[in-house]
Amino acid sequence: MSRAFVRESDQEGESLPERLVSAHPNLVTPSGLRQIEAQVAALETARQNARDADDKPLLARISRDLRYWTGRRATARVIEPTTTHDNVRFGVRVTVRAEDGKERTFQLVGEDEANPALGLLSWVAPLAAAVIGHGVGDTVDFQDRSLEIISIDSGL
């Protein structure tokens, strides 16, 4: 087939959709900003390696991810840890107790640094929304049960 009849998009593989960006402000902890910066650096290295290998599909995926992380770095609003813990807010570690006595501890962090398995909960998650603004001793309703906030401390 003549190259005149080959679309440029056919040569480079399928175009990838952009990664979705949250509509919420991009709040991050200092640790979250370091994670974003490390991700950007790793992707820049990977992009160069993909260029060197002339791996166009890989280059397209890496470039898309690099656009996402570069944008997240540009919009990041670092929230420094607070020394007062009167109320639940971004960055603090919170322990709640359910009616059955089970306790759960989590830190409110940015969306990109959230990892519930490690106790890192996005500040826009439903549980976070239920406890933000409340203090120790307050009871909040969450998913048809009551949770008592039993401690608030720095997330460090």
Protein backbone atom coordinates (compact mmCIF):
# COMPACT_ATOMS: atom_id res chain seq x y z
CA MET A 1 0.00 0.00 0.00
CA SER A 2 1.26 3.43 -0.83
CA ARG A 3 2.19 5.57 2.17
CA ALA A 4 -0.03 8.26 0.70
CA PHE A 5 -3.04 6.20 1.80
CA VAL A 6 -1.91 5.49 5.36
CA ARG A 7 -3.31 7.80 7.99
CA GLU A 8 -0.78 9.22 10.39
CA SER A 9 -2.88 7.99 13.32
CA ASP A 10 -2.59 4.42 11.95
CA GLN A 11 1.16 4.66 12.15
CA GLU A 12 1.25 5.68 15.80
CA GLY A 13 -1.40 3.36 17.21
CA GLU A 14 -4.63 4.40 18.83
CA SER A 15 -4.79 7.75 20.54
CA LEU A 16 -5.26 7.51 24.27
CA PRO A 17 -7.89 9.47 26.15
CA GLU A 18 -6.52 11.98 28.63
CA ARG A 19 -6.57 11.00 32.30
CA LEU A 20 -9.50 12.54 34.13
CA VAL A 21 -8.66 15.46 36.41
CA SER A 22 -10.75 16.04 39.50
CA ALA A 23 -12.88 19.16 39.71
CA HIS A 24 -11.85 19.60 43.36
CA PRO A 25 -8.96 21.86 44.41
CA ASN A 26 -5.69 19.92 44.25
CA LEU A 27 -4.80 19.98 47.95
CA VAL A 28 -1.68 17.99 48.83
CA THR A 29 0.41 17.33 51.90
CA PRO A 30 4.15 18.08 51.69
CA SER A 31 4.66 14.33 51.24
CA GLY A 32 2.07 14.31 48.46
CA LEU A 33 3.94 17.03 46.59
CA ARG A 34 7.17 15.00 46.87
CA GLN A 35 5.30 11.99 45.45
CA ILE A 36 4.03 14.04 42.50
CA GLU A 37 7.52 15.40 41.81
CA ALA A 38 8.98 11.87 41.94
CA GLN A 39 6.30 10.67 39.51
CA VAL A 40 7.11 13.49 37.07
CA ALA A 41 10.84 12.74 37.26
CA ALA A 42 10.29 9.01 36.70
CA LEU A 43 8.02 9.67 33.73
CA GLU A 44 10.52 12.09 32.17
CA THR A 45 13.16 9.37 32.34
CA ALA A 46 10.74 6.77 30.96
CA ARG A 47 9.76 9.13 28.13
CA GLN A 48 13.39 9.51 27.07
CA ASN A 49 13.87 5.73 27.20
CA ALA A 50 10.75 5.21 25.05
CA ARG A 51 12.05 7.78 22.55
CA ASP A 52 15.43 6.05 22.42
CA ALA A 53 13.69 2.71 21.82
CA ASP A 54 11.36 4.30 19.25
CA ASP A 55 8.43 2.68 21.09
CA LYS A 56 5.57 4.90 19.94
CA PRO A 57 2.72 3.20 21.84
CA LEU A 58 4.71 3.35 25.08
CA LEU A 59 5.73 6.93 24.37
CA ALA A 60 2.06 7.88 23.88
CA ARG A 61 1.09 6.36 27.27
CA ILE A 62 4.00 7.94 29.08
CA SER A 63 3.38 11.33 27.47
CA ARG A 64 -0.27 11.21 28.50
CA ASP A 65 0.65 10.35 32.10
CA LEU A 66 3.34 13.02 32.12
CA ARG A 67 0.78 15.64 31.03
CA TYR A 68 -1.47 14.54 33.90
CA TRP A 69 1.24 14.63 36.58
CA THR A 70 2.77 17.88 35.31
CA GLY A 71 -0.67 19.46 35.50
CA ARG A 72 -1.22 18.10 38.99
CA ARG A 73 2.15 19.52 40.07
CA ALA A 74 1.25 22.92 38.59
CA THR A 75 -2.09 23.05 40.42
CA ALA A 76 -0.95 21.56 43.72
CA ARG A 77 -1.79 23.59 46.81
CA VAL A 78 0.45 22.38 49.61
CA ILE A 79 -1.27 22.44 52.99
CA GLU A 80 1.29 22.48 55.78
CA PRO A 81 0.56 20.40 58.89
CA THR A 82 -1.34 22.25 61.56
CA THR A 83 -0.31 22.42 65.20
CA THR A 84 -3.87 22.79 66.46
CA HIS A 85 -6.20 19.84 66.34
CA ASP A 86 -9.52 21.23 67.53
CA ASN A 87 -11.38 20.11 64.43
CA VAL A 88 -10.88 17.60 61.66
CA ARG A 89 -9.32 19.22 58.60
CA PHE A 90 -7.06 18.36 55.70
CA GLY A 91 -3.81 16.66 56.71
CA VAL A 92 -4.79 15.47 60.20
CA ARG A 93 -4.97 11.91 61.43
CA VAL A 94 -8.38 10.98 62.82
CA THR A 95 -9.50 8.00 64.87
CA VAL A 96 -13.18 7.14 64.95
CA ARG A 97 -15.05 4.50 66.95
CA ALA A 98 -18.15 2.79 65.60
CA GLU A 99 -21.10 1.72 67.74
CA ASP A 100 -19.71 -1.85 67.83
CA GLY A 101 -16.46 -0.56 69.38
CA LYS A 102 -14.31 -1.01 66.29
CA GLU A 103 -11.84 1.81 65.72
CA ARG A 104 -10.46 3.10 62.46
CA THR A 105 -7.61 5.59 62.02
CA PHE A 106 -6.96 7.49 58.82
CA GLN A 107 -5.23 10.63 57.60
CA LEU A 108 -6.97 13.08 55.26
CA VAL A 109 -4.74 13.60 52.23
CA GLY A 110 -4.89 14.73 48.60
CA GLU A 111 -6.72 12.69 46.01
CA ASP A 112 -3.56 11.47 44.28
CA GLU A 113 -1.90 10.37 47.50
CA ALA A 114 -4.90 8.48 48.89
CA ASN A 115 -4.36 4.82 49.71
CA PRO A 116 -7.04 3.45 52.05
CA ALA A 117 -5.06 0.26 52.69
CA LEU A 118 -2.36 2.46 54.26
CA GLY A 119 -4.85 4.63 56.16
CA LEU A 120 -4.59 7.53 53.68
CA LEU A 121 -8.08 8.79 52.82
CA SER A 122 -8.83 11.39 50.18
CA TRP A 123 -10.17 14.59 51.68
CA VAL A 124 -13.12 14.40 49.25
CA ALA A 125 -14.13 10.83 50.18
CA PRO A 126 -17.57 10.44 51.80
CA LEU A 127 -16.10 9.46 55.19
CA ALA A 128 -13.83 12.51 55.11
CA ALA A 129 -16.80 14.74 54.29
CA ALA A 130 -18.65 13.29 57.28
CA VAL A 131 -15.91 14.13 59.79
CA ILE A 132 -14.42 17.40 58.46
CA GLY A 133 -15.18 20.28 60.79
CA HIS A 134 -16.02 18.07 63.77
CA GLY A 135 -14.02 17.69 66.96
CA VAL A 136 -13.09 15.05 69.50
CA GLY A 137 -16.20 13.69 71.20
CA ASP A 138 -18.48 14.59 68.30
CA THR A 139 -20.63 11.88 66.79
CA VAL A 140 -21.22 11.84 63.04
CA ASP A 141 -23.56 9.76 60.93
CA PHE A 142 -21.96 7.75 58.17
CA GLN A 143 -23.61 5.00 56.13
CA ASP A 144 -26.43 4.35 58.59
CA ARG A 145 -24.18 4.18 61.65
CA SER A 146 -22.76 6.56 64.19
CA LEU A 147 -19.06 7.21 64.48
CA GLU A 148 -17.50 8.99 67.44
CA ILE A 149 -14.35 11.00 66.82
CA ILE A 150 -11.99 9.88 69.58
CA SER A 151 -8.75 11.56 68.53
CA ILE A 152 -7.30 14.11 66.13
CA ASP A 153 -3.56 14.59 65.71
CA SER A 154 -1.01 15.72 63.16
CA GLY A 155 -0.59 13.43 60.20
CA LEU A 156 3.17 13.42 60.53
